[in-house]
């Protein structure tokens, strides 16, 4: 079984690699220039990110959110993927946890994404704000 895209009818995105790259190259990247370059590689031209309390539109706004998040939580805060990213028919999901070496599971959650032509078009950030309860 194969999936189709507008530009390559035989292409099947590597959902795991795409969502892991998003965690590492976007949400763990502290350098804004490298983060912006990663977003240009990984996202469509006009992406939308849905957070529990906000809808973020555009590459620049997503980069700003990622940068502020890292700044607020400090230099040791990092996102770590859990298991393998799964997907089919343009929908993908990857579970993750985030924290510091002293508290590696400050927050847990999952990213669910709509993938178009191998890039993230819409990203839903699902949070478990009480992972230790």
C-alpha atoms as a PDB file:
ATOM      1  CA  UNK A   1       0.000   0.000   0.000  1.00  0.00           C
ATOM      2  CA  UNK A   2       1.346   3.424  -0.904  1.00  0.00           C
ATOM      3  CA  UNK A   3       0.346   6.981  -0.195  1.00  0.00           C
ATOM      4  CA  UNK A   4       0.165   9.673  -2.790  1.00  0.00           C
ATOM      5  CA  UNK A   5       1.134  13.311  -2.814  1.00  0.00           C
ATOM      6  CA  UNK A   6       0.542  16.000  -5.381  1.00  0.00           C
ATOM      7  CA  UNK A   7       4.182  16.152  -6.495  1.00  0.00           C
ATOM      8  CA  UNK A   8       5.158  12.486  -6.243  1.00  0.00           C
ATOM      9  CA  UNK A   9       2.335   9.962  -6.457  1.00  0.00           C
ATOM     10  CA  UNK A  10       4.568   7.132  -5.161  1.00  0.00           C
ATOM     11  CA  UNK A  11       6.066   9.007  -2.180  1.00  0.00           C
ATOM     12  CA  UNK A  12       5.495   7.683   1.338  1.00  0.00           C
ATOM     13  CA  UNK A  13       6.725  10.159   3.936  1.00  0.00           C
ATOM     14  CA  UNK A  14       9.024   8.945   6.709  1.00  0.00           C
ATOM     15  CA  UNK A  15       6.692  10.056   9.475  1.00  0.00           C
ATOM     16  CA  UNK A  16       9.057   9.022  12.264  1.00  0.00           C
ATOM     17  CA  UNK A  17      12.026  10.929  10.800  1.00  0.00           C
ATOM     18  CA  UNK A  18       9.926  14.033  10.109  1.00  0.00           C
ATOM     19  CA  UNK A  19       8.469  14.304  13.608  1.00  0.00           C
ATOM     20  CA  UNK A  20      11.794  13.467  15.290  1.00  0.00           C
ATOM     21  CA  UNK A  21      13.458  16.168  13.179  1.00  0.00           C
ATOM     22  CA  UNK A  22      10.758  18.589  14.303  1.00  0.00           C
ATOM     23  CA  UNK A  23      11.536  17.887  17.962  1.00  0.00           C
ATOM     24  CA  UNK A  24      15.299  18.053  17.522  1.00  0.00           C
ATOM     25  CA  UNK A  25      15.771  20.752  14.889  1.00  0.00           C
ATOM     26  CA  UNK A  26      12.887  23.045  15.880  1.00  0.00           C
ATOM     27  CA  UNK A  27      11.845  22.535  19.482  1.00  0.00           C
ATOM     28  CA  UNK A  28      15.310  21.688  20.847  1.00  0.00           C
ATOM     29  CA  UNK A  29      17.175  24.263  18.725  1.00  0.00           C
ATOM     30  CA  UNK A  30      18.260  27.342  20.629  1.00  0.00           C
ATOM     31  CA  UNK A  31      19.890  29.121  17.696  1.00  0.00           C
ATOM     32  CA  UNK A  32      17.112  31.063  15.903  1.00  0.00           C
ATOM     33  CA  UNK A  33      18.862  31.016  12.515  1.00  0.00           C
ATOM     34  CA  UNK A  34      19.221  27.217  12.535  1.00  0.00           C
ATOM     35  CA  UNK A  35      15.677  26.854  13.914  1.00  0.00           C
ATOM     36  CA  UNK A  36      14.272  29.025  11.098  1.00  0.00           C
ATOM     37  CA  UNK A  37      16.192  26.984   8.498  1.00  0.00           C
ATOM     38  CA  UNK A  38      14.800  23.767   9.974  1.00  0.00           C
ATOM     39  CA  UNK A  39      11.258  25.134   9.884  1.00  0.00           C
ATOM     40  CA  UNK A  40      11.742  26.051   6.220  1.00  0.00           C
ATOM     41  CA  UNK A  41      12.807  22.439   5.549  1.00  0.00           C
ATOM     42  CA  UNK A  42      10.160  20.709   7.651  1.00  0.00           C
ATOM     43  CA  UNK A  43       7.017  22.862   7.325  1.00  0.00           C
ATOM     44  CA  UNK A  44       4.832  24.040   4.460  1.00  0.00           C
ATOM     45  CA  UNK A  45       4.897  27.765   3.619  1.00  0.00           C
ATOM     46  CA  UNK A  46       1.931  28.654   5.847  1.00  0.00           C
ATOM     47  CA  UNK A  47       1.753  26.124   8.701  1.00  0.00           C
ATOM     48  CA  UNK A  48      -0.607  26.198  11.663  1.00  0.00           C
ATOM     49  CA  UNK A  49       0.220  24.884  15.137  1.00  0.00           C
ATOM     50  CA  UNK A  50      -2.528  24.172  17.635  1.00  0.00           C
ATOM     51  CA  UNK A  51      -1.531  24.421  21.272  1.00  0.00           C
ATOM     52  CA  UNK A  52      -3.946  23.841  24.172  1.00  0.00           C
ATOM     53  CA  UNK A  53      -4.352  27.594  24.693  1.00  0.00           C
ATOM     54  CA  UNK A  54      -3.429  29.114  21.339  1.00  0.00           C
ATOM     55  CA  UNK A  55      -3.439  28.759  17.573  1.00  0.00           C
ATOM     56  CA  UNK A  56      -0.106  29.772  16.076  1.00  0.00           C
ATOM     57  CA  UNK A  57       0.089  30.606  12.376  1.00  0.00           C
ATOM     58  CA  UNK A  58       3.155  30.896  10.186  1.00  0.00           C
ATOM     59  CA  UNK A  59       6.755  29.734  10.292  1.00  0.00           C
ATOM     60  CA  UNK A  60       8.040  32.815  12.114  1.00  0.00           C
ATOM     61  CA  UNK A  61       5.453  32.517  14.879  1.00  0.00           C
ATOM     62  CA  UNK A  62       6.227  28.815  15.388  1.00  0.00           C
ATOM     63  CA  UNK A  63       9.933  29.631  15.642  1.00  0.00           C
ATOM     64  CA  UNK A  64       9.201  32.359  18.187  1.00  0.00           C
ATOM     65  CA  UNK A  65       7.110  29.991  20.318  1.00  0.00           C
ATOM     66  CA  UNK A  66       9.849  27.330  20.284  1.00  0.00           C
ATOM     67  CA  UNK A  67      12.526  29.877  21.195  1.00  0.00           C
ATOM     68  CA  UNK A  68      10.528  31.379  24.053  1.00  0.00           C
ATOM     69  CA  UNK A  69       9.726  27.922  25.391  1.00  0.00           C
ATOM     70  CA  UNK A  70      13.403  26.965  25.512  1.00  0.00           C
ATOM     71  CA  UNK A  71      14.349  30.316  27.020  1.00  0.00           C
ATOM     72  CA  UNK A  72      11.694  30.023  29.742  1.00  0.00           C
ATOM     73  CA  UNK A  73      12.642  26.486  30.783  1.00  0.00           C
ATOM     74  CA  UNK A  74      16.419  26.992  30.760  1.00  0.00           C
ATOM     75  CA  UNK A  75      19.501  25.658  28.989  1.00  0.00           C
ATOM     76  CA  UNK A  76      19.146  22.016  30.077  1.00  0.00           C
ATOM     77  CA  UNK A  77      15.493  21.633  29.037  1.00  0.00           C
ATOM     78  CA  UNK A  78      15.047  19.252  26.109  1.00  0.00           C
ATOM     79  CA  UNK A  79      12.392  17.278  24.255  1.00  0.00           C
ATOM     80  CA  UNK A  80      12.954  13.518  23.913  1.00  0.00           C
ATOM     81  CA  UNK A  81      10.917  11.309  21.558  1.00  0.00           C
ATOM     82  CA  UNK A  82       9.251   8.205  22.955  1.00  0.00           C
ATOM     83  CA  UNK A  83       8.952   5.216  20.667  1.00  0.00           C
ATOM     84  CA  UNK A  84       8.518   5.486  16.949  1.00  0.00           C
ATOM     85  CA  UNK A  85       6.488   8.105  15.132  1.00  0.00           C
ATOM     86  CA  UNK A  86       3.535   6.528  13.387  1.00  0.00           C
ATOM     87  CA  UNK A  87       1.491   7.648  10.446  1.00  0.00           C
ATOM     88  CA  UNK A  88      -0.447   6.945   7.306  1.00  0.00           C
ATOM     89  CA  UNK A  89      -2.553   8.840   4.779  1.00  0.00           C
ATOM     90  CA  UNK A  90      -1.017  12.180   5.712  1.00  0.00           C
ATOM     91  CA  UNK A  91      -1.504  11.952   9.496  1.00  0.00           C
ATOM     92  CA  UNK A  92       1.391  11.316  11.890  1.00  0.00           C
ATOM     93  CA  UNK A  93       1.918  11.117  15.657  1.00  0.00           C
ATOM     94  CA  UNK A  94       4.939  11.001  17.951  1.00  0.00           C
ATOM     95  CA  UNK A  95       4.864  10.821  21.757  1.00  0.00           C
ATOM     96  CA  UNK A  96       7.553  12.674  23.727  1.00  0.00           C
ATOM     97  CA  UNK A  97       8.575  13.857  27.149  1.00  0.00           C
ATOM     98  CA  UNK A  98      10.477  16.997  28.058  1.00  0.00           C
ATOM     99  CA  UNK A  99      12.464  18.223  30.998  1.00  0.00           C
ATOM    100  CA  UNK A 100      15.936  18.535  32.450  1.00  0.00           C
ATOM    101  CA  UNK A 101      18.429  15.866  33.558  1.00  0.00           C
ATOM    102  CA  UNK A 102      17.214  16.374  37.148  1.00  0.00           C
ATOM    103  CA  UNK A 103      13.540  16.121  36.141  1.00  0.00           C
ATOM    104  CA  UNK A 104      13.332  14.459  32.713  1.00  0.00           C
ATOM    105  CA  UNK A 105       9.532  14.257  32.623  1.00  0.00           C
ATOM    106  CA  UNK A 106       8.467  17.784  33.515  1.00  0.00           C
ATOM    107  CA  UNK A 107       5.837  17.481  30.781  1.00  0.00           C
ATOM    108  CA  UNK A 108       4.715  14.660  28.532  1.00  0.00           C
ATOM    109  CA  UNK A 109       2.707  14.797  25.376  1.00  0.00           C
ATOM    110  CA  UNK A 110       2.374  13.975  21.720  1.00  0.00           C
ATOM    111  CA  UNK A 111       2.620  15.817  18.456  1.00  0.00           C
ATOM    112  CA  UNK A 112       0.023  14.951  15.850  1.00  0.00           C
ATOM    113  CA  UNK A 113       0.580  16.388  12.404  1.00  0.00           C
ATOM    114  CA  UNK A 114      -1.041  16.677   9.028  1.00  0.00           C
ATOM    115  CA  UNK A 115       1.654  16.003   6.435  1.00  0.00           C
ATOM    116  CA  UNK A 116       1.377  17.410   2.924  1.00  0.00           C
ATOM    117  CA  UNK A 117       4.067  16.659   0.337  1.00  0.00           C
ATOM    118  CA  UNK A 118       6.397  15.425   3.078  1.00  0.00           C
ATOM    119  CA  UNK A 119       6.101  18.573   5.207  1.00  0.00           C
ATOM    120  CA  UNK A 120       4.162  19.527   8.308  1.00  0.00           C
ATOM    121  CA  UNK A 121       1.087  21.558   7.401  1.00  0.00           C
ATOM    122  CA  UNK A 122      -0.728  21.487  10.739  1.00  0.00           C
ATOM    123  CA  UNK A 123       0.643  20.422  14.113  1.00  0.00           C
ATOM    124  CA  UNK A 124      -1.426  19.656  17.196  1.00  0.00           C
ATOM    125  CA  UNK A 125       0.572  19.740  20.438  1.00  0.00           C
ATOM    126  CA  UNK A 126      -1.178  17.517  22.985  1.00  0.00           C
ATOM    127  CA  UNK A 127       0.046  17.953  26.562  1.00  0.00           C
ATOM    128  CA  UNK A 128      -0.194  15.826  29.680  1.00  0.00           C
ATOM    129  CA  UNK A 129       0.523  18.515  32.254  1.00  0.00           C
ATOM    130  CA  UNK A 130       0.397  16.099  35.211  1.00  0.00           C
ATOM    131  CA  UNK A 131       2.605  13.175  34.105  1.00  0.00           C
ATOM    132  CA  UNK A 132       3.389  12.100  37.676  1.00  0.00           C
ATOM    133  CA  UNK A 133      -0.192  11.875  38.928  1.00  0.00           C
END
